[in-house]
Amino acid sequence: MPTTSRPRRLLALVSGNRLARGYLAVFATAFTVMFLFPESLFATIPVLLTAPLSFLGVFLPLGTGATTVVVFAVWLLLCALVNAAVLGALTTRTATATPQKVRALLAPAVDNWLARGYLVVVAVALGFFVAAAFVLPDPGLAGVWPLMATAPFGILAVAVSAPFEYSSIGWLSPLVFSVGVALSGLFNAVLLGRLAHKLRARNPHPAI
C-alpha cells in the first residue's frame, strides 16, 4: 500500500486542524512582536511558546551579529512547526475511535523510540535534580534541567511547588516539583508518541 511522505504528513498535521493553526497564529503574532520590541518582556514569549525544543537553542553554536539572529529565528520557526504538529496529532482522531482507557491513552508514551528517548532524557534530568536536592547541601540550579526538559507544562510544577518552599514543610517542595515534572514529561511523551504514530501512518487512499 502506498504511503504518504513524512514531510507531507507533517504538513497535514500542522495545517489540518484548528488547534494547530491557532497555535501557529499566536506564535506568528508573538514572533512579530519579538522583532518589533526586542527589549520588552514580550520578546521572550516565542521562546516559551516553542518550549521545550526552543530551550535546546542554548546548545547551538551561535555567535554574534545578524547571522545569529537569523539562525535563532529559523530555530524558533522549526520548533513552532514541530509543536504545531504535536498538537495536530493530539487532536486528530481516526474514524473508528472509541472511548479509551488510561492504559491505551498512555501507550503512545512507550511504544515508539521517539517518546521513549524523550522519557530517558526526562528521567536523567529528574534523577539529577532529586540527587542534588536530597544529597547535596546546595542543589543550586539543578531544577533547571528537568524544567527545560518538560516545558511548557513543567512550568506548572514550579508554580505548584513554590508555596511549599516558603513554608514550614519546605522539604515537601522538591517532592511536589518532582511529581509535577514526571507528570509533565509523561504528558509530553504521549504527545510525541502520537506525533510519531501519525508520521508513520499509512495513507488510506491510493496515490493518484
N, C-alpha and C. Protein backbone atom coordinates (compact mmCIF):
# COMPACT_ATOMS: atom_id res chain seq x y z
N MET A 1 0.85 -1.20 0.00
CA MET A 1 0.00 0.00 0.00
C MET A 1 0.88 1.25 0.00
N PRO A 2 0.63 2.21 -0.85
CA PRO A 2 1.45 3.41 -0.92
C PRO A 2 1.34 4.22 0.34
N THR A 3 2.40 4.91 0.66
CA THR A 3 2.43 5.73 1.86
C THR A 3 2.70 7.17 1.50
N THR A 4 2.21 8.05 2.34
CA THR A 4 2.45 9.47 2.15
C THR A 4 3.79 9.82 2.76
N SER A 5 4.58 10.66 2.12
CA SER A 5 5.89 11.04 2.63
C SER A 5 5.74 11.73 3.97
N ARG A 6 6.75 11.57 4.81
CA ARG A 6 6.70 12.15 6.14
C ARG A 6 6.56 13.67 6.13
N PRO A 7 7.28 14.38 5.24
CA PRO A 7 7.07 15.83 5.21
C PRO A 7 5.63 16.22 4.92
N ARG A 8 4.98 15.47 4.01
CA ARG A 8 3.58 15.78 3.69
C ARG A 8 2.68 15.48 4.87
N ARG A 9 2.94 14.38 5.57
CA ARG A 9 2.13 14.06 6.74
C ARG A 9 2.34 15.10 7.83
N LEU A 10 3.59 15.58 7.97
CA LEU A 10 3.88 16.61 8.96
C LEU A 10 3.11 17.88 8.65
N LEU A 11 3.13 18.29 7.38
CA LEU A 11 2.40 19.49 6.98
C LEU A 11 0.90 19.33 7.16
N ALA A 12 0.42 18.10 6.94
CA ALA A 12 -1.01 17.85 7.13
C ALA A 12 -1.40 18.00 8.60
N LEU A 13 -0.54 17.56 9.49
CA LEU A 13 -0.82 17.70 10.92
C LEU A 13 -0.78 19.16 11.34
N VAL A 14 0.14 19.92 10.75
CA VAL A 14 0.29 21.33 11.10
C VAL A 14 -0.90 22.15 10.65
N SER A 15 -1.44 21.83 9.47
CA SER A 15 -2.50 22.66 8.90
C SER A 15 -3.87 22.01 8.90
N GLY A 16 -3.97 20.80 9.44
CA GLY A 16 -5.21 20.07 9.29
C GLY A 16 -6.25 20.26 10.37
N ASN A 17 -5.98 21.06 11.40
CA ASN A 17 -6.98 21.27 12.44
C ASN A 17 -6.84 22.67 13.03
N ARG A 18 -7.88 23.10 13.69
CA ARG A 18 -7.92 24.48 14.19
C ARG A 18 -6.94 24.72 15.33
N LEU A 19 -6.73 23.72 16.18
CA LEU A 19 -5.83 23.92 17.32
C LEU A 19 -4.41 24.21 16.84
N ALA A 20 -3.92 23.43 15.89
CA ALA A 20 -2.58 23.65 15.37
C ALA A 20 -2.47 24.98 14.65
N ARG A 21 -3.49 25.31 13.84
CA ARG A 21 -3.47 26.59 13.13
C ARG A 21 -3.58 27.77 14.10
N GLY A 22 -4.37 27.61 15.14
CA GLY A 22 -4.48 28.67 16.14
C GLY A 22 -3.17 28.89 16.87
N TYR A 23 -2.50 27.78 17.19
CA TYR A 23 -1.19 27.89 17.85
C TYR A 23 -0.20 28.63 16.96
N LEU A 24 -0.18 28.29 15.67
CA LEU A 24 0.75 28.97 14.76
C LEU A 24 0.41 30.45 14.61
N ALA A 25 -0.88 30.78 14.66
CA ALA A 25 -1.28 32.19 14.58
C ALA A 25 -0.79 32.97 15.79
N VAL A 26 -0.93 32.36 16.97
CA VAL A 26 -0.44 33.02 18.19
C VAL A 26 1.08 33.16 18.14
N PHE A 27 1.75 32.10 17.70
CA PHE A 27 3.21 32.17 17.59
C PHE A 27 3.64 33.24 16.60
N ALA A 28 2.97 33.32 15.45
CA ALA A 28 3.33 34.32 14.44
C ALA A 28 3.20 35.74 14.99
N THR A 29 2.14 35.95 15.79
CA THR A 29 1.96 37.28 16.40
C THR A 29 3.08 37.58 17.38
N ALA A 30 3.38 36.60 18.25
CA ALA A 30 4.44 36.80 19.24
C ALA A 30 5.80 36.95 18.55
N PHE A 31 6.01 36.20 17.47
CA PHE A 31 7.27 36.25 16.72
C PHE A 31 7.47 37.64 16.13
N THR A 32 6.39 38.23 15.62
CA THR A 32 6.47 39.58 15.05
C THR A 32 6.76 40.61 16.15
N VAL A 33 6.08 40.46 17.28
CA VAL A 33 6.28 41.39 18.41
C VAL A 33 7.72 41.30 18.91
N MET A 34 8.30 40.10 18.87
CA MET A 34 9.68 39.93 19.34
C MET A 34 10.65 40.80 18.55
N PHE A 35 10.42 40.92 17.24
CA PHE A 35 11.31 41.74 16.42
C PHE A 35 10.97 43.23 16.51
N LEU A 36 9.70 43.54 16.76
CA LEU A 36 9.32 44.94 16.88
C LEU A 36 9.75 45.54 18.21
N PHE A 37 9.70 44.72 19.28
CA PHE A 37 10.05 45.21 20.62
C PHE A 37 11.04 44.23 21.27
N PRO A 38 12.26 44.16 20.74
CA PRO A 38 13.23 43.15 21.23
C PRO A 38 13.65 43.35 22.68
N GLU A 39 13.47 44.53 23.24
CA GLU A 39 13.92 44.80 24.61
C GLU A 39 12.81 44.61 25.64
N SER A 40 11.61 44.31 25.18
CA SER A 40 10.49 44.17 26.10
C SER A 40 10.38 42.73 26.59
N LEU A 41 9.54 42.52 27.63
CA LEU A 41 9.31 41.18 28.15
C LEU A 41 8.57 40.31 27.15
N PHE A 42 7.84 40.96 26.23
CA PHE A 42 7.11 40.20 25.23
C PHE A 42 8.04 39.44 24.29
N ALA A 43 9.30 39.86 24.23
CA ALA A 43 10.25 39.21 23.33
C ALA A 43 10.55 37.78 23.75
N THR A 44 10.26 37.43 25.01
CA THR A 44 10.53 36.07 25.49
C THR A 44 9.37 35.10 25.20
N ILE A 45 8.22 35.64 24.78
CA ILE A 45 7.04 34.79 24.58
C ILE A 45 7.26 33.72 23.51
N PRO A 46 7.88 34.03 22.35
CA PRO A 46 8.09 32.98 21.34
C PRO A 46 8.92 31.81 21.87
N VAL A 47 9.88 32.10 22.72
CA VAL A 47 10.70 31.02 23.30
C VAL A 47 9.84 30.12 24.18
N LEU A 48 8.96 30.73 24.99
CA LEU A 48 8.09 29.95 25.86
C LEU A 48 7.07 29.16 25.05
N LEU A 49 6.56 29.76 23.97
CA LEU A 49 5.57 29.09 23.15
C LEU A 49 6.14 27.88 22.41
N THR A 50 7.43 27.90 22.16
CA THR A 50 8.05 26.79 21.42
C THR A 50 8.84 25.85 22.31
N ALA A 51 8.69 25.99 23.63
CA ALA A 51 9.34 25.07 24.56
C ALA A 51 8.70 23.68 24.41
N PRO A 52 9.40 22.58 24.73
CA PRO A 52 10.75 22.57 25.28
C PRO A 52 11.86 22.60 24.22
N LEU A 53 11.52 22.40 22.95
CA LEU A 53 12.56 22.34 21.93
C LEU A 53 13.37 23.62 21.84
N SER A 54 12.71 24.76 22.05
CA SER A 54 13.41 26.03 21.92
C SER A 54 14.54 26.17 22.93
N PHE A 55 14.42 25.51 24.08
CA PHE A 55 15.48 25.60 25.09
C PHE A 55 16.76 24.90 24.65
N LEU A 56 16.64 24.01 23.67
CA LEU A 56 17.84 23.35 23.14
C LEU A 56 18.69 24.32 22.34
N GLY A 57 18.15 25.51 22.07
CA GLY A 57 18.91 26.52 21.35
C GLY A 57 20.16 26.97 22.08
N VAL A 58 20.19 26.73 23.40
CA VAL A 58 21.39 27.13 24.16
C VAL A 58 22.60 26.31 23.74
N PHE A 59 22.35 25.16 23.09
CA PHE A 59 23.47 24.33 22.66
C PHE A 59 23.88 24.61 21.22
N LEU A 60 23.16 25.49 20.54
CA LEU A 60 23.54 25.84 19.19
C LEU A 60 24.80 26.70 19.18
N PRO A 61 25.69 26.49 18.23
CA PRO A 61 26.92 27.28 18.17
C PRO A 61 26.65 28.69 17.61
N LEU A 62 25.96 29.49 18.41
CA LEU A 62 25.62 30.84 17.96
C LEU A 62 26.73 31.82 18.30
N GLY A 63 26.94 32.74 17.40
CA GLY A 63 27.93 33.78 17.64
C GLY A 63 27.24 35.10 17.90
N THR A 64 27.66 36.11 17.19
CA THR A 64 27.06 37.43 17.33
C THR A 64 26.76 37.99 15.95
N GLY A 65 25.91 39.00 15.92
CA GLY A 65 25.62 39.65 14.66
C GLY A 65 24.35 39.15 14.01
N ALA A 66 24.16 39.56 12.76
CA ALA A 66 22.93 39.25 12.04
C ALA A 66 22.76 37.75 11.81
N THR A 67 23.86 37.03 11.62
CA THR A 67 23.76 35.58 11.40
C THR A 67 23.14 34.89 12.58
N THR A 68 23.48 35.31 13.78
CA THR A 68 22.91 34.73 14.99
C THR A 68 21.41 34.93 15.04
N VAL A 69 20.97 36.13 14.69
CA VAL A 69 19.54 36.43 14.71
C VAL A 69 18.79 35.54 13.72
N VAL A 70 19.37 35.36 12.53
CA VAL A 70 18.71 34.54 11.51
C VAL A 70 18.63 33.08 11.96
N VAL A 71 19.74 32.55 12.49
CA VAL A 71 19.76 31.15 12.94
C VAL A 71 18.76 30.95 14.07
N PHE A 72 18.72 31.88 15.01
CA PHE A 72 17.78 31.78 16.13
C PHE A 72 16.34 31.85 15.66
N ALA A 73 16.07 32.73 14.71
CA ALA A 73 14.71 32.86 14.18
C ALA A 73 14.28 31.58 13.46
N VAL A 74 15.18 31.01 12.65
CA VAL A 74 14.87 29.77 11.95
C VAL A 74 14.63 28.64 12.94
N TRP A 75 15.43 28.60 14.00
CA TRP A 75 15.27 27.57 15.02
C TRP A 75 13.90 27.67 15.69
N LEU A 76 13.48 28.89 16.02
CA LEU A 76 12.16 29.07 16.63
C LEU A 76 11.05 28.64 15.68
N LEU A 77 11.20 28.94 14.41
CA LEU A 77 10.19 28.55 13.42
C LEU A 77 10.08 27.04 13.33
N LEU A 78 11.21 26.35 13.32
CA LEU A 78 11.19 24.89 13.27
C LEU A 78 10.55 24.31 14.52
N CYS A 79 10.87 24.89 15.68
CA CYS A 79 10.28 24.43 16.94
C CYS A 79 8.76 24.63 16.93
N ALA A 80 8.33 25.76 16.38
CA ALA A 80 6.89 26.04 16.31
C ALA A 80 6.19 25.03 15.41
N LEU A 81 6.81 24.67 14.29
CA LEU A 81 6.20 23.69 13.38
C LEU A 81 6.08 22.32 14.05
N VAL A 82 7.11 21.92 14.78
CA VAL A 82 7.06 20.63 15.48
C VAL A 82 5.97 20.65 16.54
N ASN A 83 5.88 21.72 17.32
CA ASN A 83 4.85 21.81 18.35
C ASN A 83 3.45 21.81 17.72
N ALA A 84 3.30 22.50 16.61
CA ALA A 84 2.01 22.51 15.93
C ALA A 84 1.64 21.12 15.43
N ALA A 85 2.64 20.38 14.95
CA ALA A 85 2.38 19.01 14.50
C ALA A 85 1.97 18.12 15.67
N VAL A 86 2.60 18.33 16.83
CA VAL A 86 2.23 17.57 18.02
C VAL A 86 0.79 17.85 18.42
N LEU A 87 0.41 19.12 18.38
CA LEU A 87 -0.98 19.48 18.68
C LEU A 87 -1.93 18.88 17.65
N GLY A 88 -1.50 18.87 16.40
CA GLY A 88 -2.33 18.26 15.36
C GLY A 88 -2.51 16.78 15.57
N ALA A 89 -1.43 16.10 15.97
CA ALA A 89 -1.52 14.67 16.25
C ALA A 89 -2.41 14.40 17.46
N LEU A 90 -2.38 15.30 18.42
CA LEU A 90 -3.20 15.13 19.63
C LEU A 90 -4.68 15.22 19.32
N THR A 91 -5.05 16.11 18.43
CA THR A 91 -6.47 16.37 18.18
C THR A 91 -7.04 15.56 17.02
N THR A 92 -6.18 14.91 16.24
CA THR A 92 -6.65 14.12 15.11
C THR A 92 -7.04 12.73 15.59
N ARG A 93 -8.25 12.32 15.30
CA ARG A 93 -8.74 11.01 15.71
C ARG A 93 -9.12 10.20 14.48
N THR A 94 -9.00 8.91 14.59
CA THR A 94 -9.42 8.05 13.50
C THR A 94 -10.92 7.90 13.51
N ALA A 95 -11.46 7.45 12.38
CA ALA A 95 -12.92 7.33 12.26
C ALA A 95 -13.50 6.27 13.17
N THR A 96 -12.67 5.30 13.60
CA THR A 96 -13.17 4.22 14.45
C THR A 96 -12.80 4.43 15.91
N ALA A 97 -12.45 5.64 16.28
CA ALA A 97 -12.01 5.90 17.65
C ALA A 97 -13.14 5.61 18.63
N THR A 98 -12.81 4.99 19.74
CA THR A 98 -13.75 4.68 20.80
C THR A 98 -13.20 5.19 22.11
N PRO A 99 -14.03 5.32 23.15
CA PRO A 99 -13.53 5.74 24.46
C PRO A 99 -12.40 4.83 24.92
N GLN A 100 -11.27 5.41 25.27
CA GLN A 100 -10.08 4.64 25.61
C GLN A 100 -9.83 4.67 27.10
N LYS A 101 -9.22 3.62 27.59
CA LYS A 101 -8.85 3.54 28.99
C LYS A 101 -7.51 4.25 29.20
N VAL A 102 -7.15 4.44 30.45
CA VAL A 102 -5.91 5.14 30.77
C VAL A 102 -4.71 4.44 30.15
N ARG A 103 -4.72 3.13 30.18
CA ARG A 103 -3.59 2.38 29.62
C ARG A 103 -3.42 2.64 28.14
N ALA A 104 -4.53 2.70 27.43
CA ALA A 104 -4.47 2.96 25.99
C ALA A 104 -4.04 4.39 25.72
N LEU A 105 -4.46 5.32 26.57
CA LEU A 105 -4.10 6.71 26.38
C LEU A 105 -2.60 6.93 26.59
N LEU A 106 -2.01 6.16 27.51
CA LEU A 106 -0.59 6.34 27.82
C LEU A 106 0.31 5.51 26.91
N ALA A 107 -0.26 4.61 26.12
CA ALA A 107 0.54 3.74 25.27
C ALA A 107 1.48 4.49 24.34
N PRO A 108 1.07 5.61 23.71
CA PRO A 108 1.99 6.32 22.81
C PRO A 108 3.26 6.81 23.49
N ALA A 109 3.28 6.86 24.81
CA ALA A 109 4.47 7.34 25.51
C ALA A 109 5.58 6.30 25.57
N VAL A 110 5.24 5.03 25.29
CA VAL A 110 6.24 3.97 25.46
C VAL A 110 6.34 3.02 24.27
N ASP A 111 5.53 3.20 23.26
CA ASP A 111 5.54 2.21 22.18
C ASP A 111 6.29 2.67 20.94
N ASN A 112 7.11 3.70 21.07
CA ASN A 112 7.92 4.17 19.94
C ASN A 112 9.21 4.77 20.47
N TRP A 113 10.22 4.78 19.61
CA TRP A 113 11.55 5.22 20.05
C TRP A 113 11.61 6.72 20.35
N LEU A 114 10.84 7.52 19.65
CA LEU A 114 10.88 8.97 19.88
C LEU A 114 10.44 9.30 21.29
N ALA A 115 9.29 8.76 21.71
CA ALA A 115 8.78 9.03 23.05
C ALA A 115 9.66 8.39 24.12
N ARG A 116 10.13 7.17 23.86
CA ARG A 116 10.97 6.50 24.85
C ARG A 116 12.29 7.25 25.05
N GLY A 117 12.87 7.73 23.94
CA GLY A 117 14.10 8.51 24.07
C GLY A 117 13.88 9.78 24.87
N TYR A 118 12.74 10.43 24.63
CA TYR A 118 12.42 11.64 25.38
C TYR A 118 12.27 11.33 26.87
N LEU A 119 11.62 10.22 27.20
CA LEU A 119 11.44 9.85 28.61
C LEU A 119 12.78 9.57 29.29
N VAL A 120 13.73 9.02 28.53
CA VAL A 120 15.07 8.80 29.09
C VAL A 120 15.72 10.13 29.47
N VAL A 121 15.58 11.12 28.59
CA VAL A 121 16.13 12.45 28.87
C VAL A 121 15.48 13.04 30.13
N VAL A 122 14.15 12.91 30.22
CA VAL A 122 13.44 13.43 31.40
C VAL A 122 13.89 12.70 32.66
N ALA A 123 14.04 11.38 32.58
CA ALA A 123 14.44 10.60 33.74
C ALA A 123 15.84 10.99 34.23
N VAL A 124 16.75 11.20 33.29
CA VAL A 124 18.12 11.60 33.67
C VAL A 124 18.10 12.98 34.33
N ALA A 125 17.38 13.93 33.73
CA ALA A 125 17.31 15.28 34.29
C ALA A 125 16.64 15.27 35.66
N LEU A 126 15.57 14.50 35.81
CA LEU A 126 14.87 14.43 37.08
C LEU A 126 15.70 13.71 38.13
N GLY A 127 16.39 12.65 37.72
CA GLY A 127 17.26 11.94 38.66
C GLY A 127 18.38 12.82 39.18
N PHE A 128 18.93 13.64 38.29
CA PHE A 128 19.99 14.57 38.71
C PHE A 128 19.44 15.57 39.73
N PHE A 129 18.23 16.06 39.47
CA PHE A 129 17.62 17.02 40.40
C PHE A 129 17.36 16.39 41.76
N VAL A 130 16.79 15.19 41.78
CA VAL A 130 16.48 14.53 43.04
C VAL A 130 17.75 14.27 43.84
N ALA A 131 18.80 13.81 43.15
CA ALA A 131 20.07 13.56 43.83
C ALA A 131 20.64 14.85 44.41
N ALA A 132 20.56 15.93 43.63
CA ALA A 132 21.10 17.21 44.10
C ALA A 132 20.27 17.77 45.24
N ALA A 133 18.93 17.61 45.18
CA ALA A 133 18.06 18.19 46.19
C ALA A 133 18.15 17.49 47.53
N PHE A 134 18.37 16.18 47.52
CA PHE A 134 18.34 15.42 48.77
C PHE A 134 19.71 14.93 49.24
N VAL A 135 20.73 15.10 48.40
CA VAL A 135 22.07 14.64 48.79
C VAL A 135 23.04 15.80 48.96
N LEU A 136 23.03 16.70 47.98
CA LEU A 136 23.97 17.82 48.04
C LEU A 136 23.48 18.89 49.01
N PRO A 137 24.39 19.56 49.70
CA PRO A 137 23.97 20.63 50.62
C PRO A 137 23.35 21.82 49.90
N ASP A 138 23.79 22.07 48.68
CA ASP A 138 23.26 23.18 47.90
C ASP A 138 22.96 22.69 46.48
N PRO A 139 21.69 22.42 46.17
CA PRO A 139 21.37 21.89 44.82
C PRO A 139 21.60 22.88 43.70
N GLY A 140 21.71 24.17 44.03
CA GLY A 140 21.96 25.17 43.01
C GLY A 140 20.83 25.25 42.00
N LEU A 141 21.19 25.17 40.72
CA LEU A 141 20.20 25.29 39.64
C LEU A 141 19.87 23.93 39.04
N ALA A 142 19.92 22.88 39.86
CA ALA A 142 19.66 21.53 39.35
C ALA A 142 18.25 21.40 38.80
N GLY A 143 17.31 22.19 39.31
CA GLY A 143 15.94 22.09 38.85
C GLY A 143 15.72 22.65 37.45
N VAL A 144 16.71 23.37 36.93
CA VAL A 144 16.56 23.96 35.59
C VAL A 144 16.47 22.87 34.52
N TRP A 145 17.25 21.79 34.69
CA TRP A 145 17.30 20.76 33.66
C TRP A 145 15.98 20.01 33.49
N PRO A 146 15.37 19.50 34.56
CA PRO A 146 14.06 18.88 34.35
C PRO A 146 12.99 19.87 33.90
N LEU A 147 13.13 21.13 34.32
CA LEU A 147 12.17 22.14 33.87
C LEU A 147 12.28 22.36 32.37
N MET A 148 13.50 22.46 31.88
CA MET A 148 13.70 22.64 30.44
C MET A 148 13.24 21.42 29.66
N ALA A 149 13.45 20.24 30.22
CA ALA A 149 13.10 19.01 29.52
C ALA A 149 11.59 18.81 29.41
N THR A 150 10.83 19.36 30.36
CA THR A 150 9.38 19.11 30.39
C THR A 150 8.55 20.35 30.11
N ALA A 151 9.21 21.46 29.73
CA ALA A 151 8.45 22.67 29.39
C ALA A 151 7.57 22.39 28.18
N PRO A 152 6.45 23.08 28.02
CA PRO A 152 6.00 24.17 28.87
C PRO A 152 5.20 23.72 30.09
N PHE A 153 4.76 22.46 30.12
CA PHE A 153 3.91 22.02 31.22
C PHE A 153 4.68 21.91 32.53
N GLY A 154 6.00 21.71 32.44
CA GLY A 154 6.81 21.65 33.65
C GLY A 154 6.79 22.94 34.45
N ILE A 155 6.47 24.04 33.78
CA ILE A 155 6.39 25.32 34.48
C ILE A 155 5.31 25.27 35.55
N LEU A 156 4.26 24.47 35.32
CA LEU A 156 3.20 24.33 36.31
C LEU A 156 3.73 23.66 37.58
N ALA A 157 4.71 22.77 37.42
CA ALA A 157 5.29 22.11 38.59
C ALA A 157 5.98 23.11 39.49
N VAL A 158 6.60 24.10 38.88
CA VAL A 158 7.25 25.16 39.67
C VAL A 158 6.20 25.97 40.44
N ALA A 159 5.13 26.31 39.75
CA ALA A 159 4.08 27.11 40.38
C ALA A 159 3.43 26.37 41.54
N VAL A 160 3.24 25.06 41.39
CA VAL A 160 2.58 24.30 42.45
C VAL A 160 3.51 24.07 43.64
N SER A 161 4.79 23.84 43.37
CA SER A 161 5.74 23.52 44.45
C SER A 161 6.27 24.75 45.17
N ALA A 162 6.19 25.92 44.55
CA ALA A 162 6.76 27.14 45.15
C ALA A 162 6.19 27.46 46.53
N PRO A 163 4.86 27.37 46.76
CA PRO A 163 4.34 27.70 48.10
C PRO A 163 4.91 26.83 49.20
N PHE A 164 5.22 25.57 48.91
CA PHE A 164 5.77 24.68 49.93
C PHE A 164 7.18 25.10 50.34
N GLU A 165 7.93 25.67 49.39
CA GLU A 165 9.32 26.03 49.64
C GLU A 165 9.44 27.09 50.73
N TYR A 166 8.43 27.95 50.82
CA TYR A 166 8.49 29.05 51.79
C TYR A 166 7.56 28.80 52.97
N SER A 167 7.34 27.53 53.29
CA SER A 167 6.51 27.18 54.43
C SER A 167 7.30 26.31 55.40
N SER A 168 6.63 25.86 56.45
CA SER A 168 7.28 25.03 57.46
C SER A 168 7.56 23.63 56.95
N ILE A 169 6.98 23.27 55.82
CA ILE A 169 7.22 21.95 55.23
C ILE A 169 7.96 22.11 53.91
N GLY A 170 9.01 22.90 53.96
CA GLY A 170 9.77 23.17 52.75
C GLY A 170 10.37 21.93 52.12
N TRP A 171 10.61 20.88 52.94
CA TRP A 171 11.17 19.64 52.39
C TRP A 171 10.23 18.98 51.38
N LEU A 172 8.95 19.37 51.43
CA LEU A 172 7.99 18.78 50.51
C LEU A 172 8.07 19.38 49.11
N SER A 173 8.65 20.56 49.00
CA SER A 173 8.71 21.25 47.71
C SER A 173 9.41 20.43 46.62
N PRO A 174 10.61 19.85 46.90
CA PRO A 174 11.25 19.05 45.85
C PRO A 174 10.42 17.84 45.43
N LEU A 175 9.69 17.24 46.38
CA LEU A 175 8.86 16.09 46.04
C LEU A 175 7.70 16.49 45.12
N VAL A 176 7.03 17.60 45.46
CA VAL A 176 5.93 18.08 44.63
C VAL A 176 6.44 18.46 43.25
N PHE A 177 7.58 19.13 43.22
CA PHE A 177 8.17 19.51 41.93
C PHE A 177 8.51 18.28 41.10
N SER A 178 9.08 17.25 41.74
CA SER A 178 9.46 16.03 41.03
C SER A 178 8.24 15.33 40.45
N VAL A 179 7.17 15.24 41.24
CA VAL A 179 5.95 14.61 40.75
C VAL A 179 5.37 15.40 39.58
N GLY A 180 5.34 16.73 39.72
CA GLY A 180 4.83 17.58 38.64
C GLY A 180 5.64 17.44 37.37
N VAL A 181 6.95 17.39 37.51
CA VAL A 181 7.83 17.24 36.35
C VAL A 181 7.62 15.88 35.69
N ALA A 182 7.49 14.83 36.52
CA ALA A 182 7.28 13.49 35.98
C ALA A 182 5.98 13.42 35.18
N LEU A 183 4.92 14.00 35.72
CA LEU A 183 3.63 14.00 35.01
C LEU A 183 3.72 14.83 33.73
N SER A 184 4.42 15.96 33.80
CA SER A 184 4.59 16.80 32.60
C SER A 184 5.37 16.06 31.53
N GLY A 185 6.43 15.36 31.95
CA GLY A 185 7.22 14.59 31.00
C GLY A 185 6.41 13.47 30.36
N LEU A 186 5.57 12.81 31.17
CA LEU A 186 4.72 11.75 30.64
C LEU A 186 3.73 12.30 29.63
N PHE A 187 3.15 13.45 29.94
CA PHE A 187 2.20 14.07 29.01
C PHE A 187 2.89 14.45 27.72
N ASN A 188 4.07 15.04 27.81
CA ASN A 188 4.81 15.40 26.60
C ASN A 188 5.16 14.16 25.79
N ALA A 189 5.51 13.07 26.48
CA ALA A 189 5.86 11.83 25.79
C ALA A 189 4.65 11.28 25.03
N VAL A 190 3.47 11.39 25.62
CA VAL A 190 2.25 10.95 24.93
C VAL A 190 2.05 11.77 23.65
N LEU A 191 2.26 13.07 23.75
CA LEU A 191 2.11 13.93 22.57
C LEU A 191 3.12 13.56 21.49
N LEU A 192 4.37 13.34 21.89
CA LEU A 192 5.40 12.95 20.92
C LEU A 192 5.08 11.59 20.31
N GLY A 193 4.57 10.68 21.13
CA GLY A 193 4.21 9.37 20.62
C GLY A 193 3.10 9.43 19.60
N ARG A 194 2.11 10.25 19.87
CA ARG A 194 1.01 10.41 18.91
C ARG A 194 1.53 11.03 17.61
N LEU A 195 2.47 11.96 17.73
CA LEU A 195 3.07 12.54 16.54
C LEU A 195 3.80 11.47 15.73
N ALA A 196 4.56 10.62 16.43
CA ALA A 196 5.30 9.55 15.75
C ALA A 196 4.34 8.60 15.03
N HIS A 197 3.20 8.30 15.67
CA HIS A 197 2.20 7.43 15.04
C HIS A 197 1.66 8.05 13.76
N LYS A 198 1.36 9.34 13.83
CA LYS A 198 0.79 10.00 12.66
C LYS A 198 1.79 10.06 11.50
N LEU A 199 3.06 10.25 11.84
CA LEU A 199 4.07 10.32 10.79
C LEU A 199 4.29 8.96 10.13
N ARG A 200 4.01 7.88 10.87
CA ARG A 200 4.17 6.54 10.32
C ARG A 200 2.90 6.00 9.70
N ALA A 201 1.79 6.71 9.89
CA ALA A 201 0.51 6.20 9.44
C ALA A 201 0.49 6.07 7.92
N ARG A 202 -0.16 5.04 7.46
CA ARG A 202 -0.27 4.82 6.01
C ARG A 202 -1.39 5.67 5.44
N ASN A 203 -1.23 6.04 4.21
CA ASN A 203 -2.26 6.80 3.51
C ASN A 203 -3.43 5.88 3.18
N PRO A 204 -4.65 6.17 3.69
CA PRO A 204 -5.77 5.28 3.44
C PRO A 204 -6.26 5.29 1.99
N HIS A 205 -5.84 6.27 1.19
CA HIS A 205 -6.28 6.36 -0.21
C HIS A 205 -5.11 6.09 -1.12
N PRO A 206 -5.28 5.34 -2.17
CA PRO A 206 -4.18 5.08 -3.11
C PRO A 206 -3.72 6.34 -3.79
N ALA A 207 -2.44 6.40 -4.02
CA ALA A 207 -1.87 7.58 -4.69
C ALA A 207 -2.35 7.63 -6.13
N ILE A 208 -2.59 8.83 -6.58
CA ILE A 208 -3.07 9.03 -7.96
C ILE A 208 -1.89 9.43 -8.83
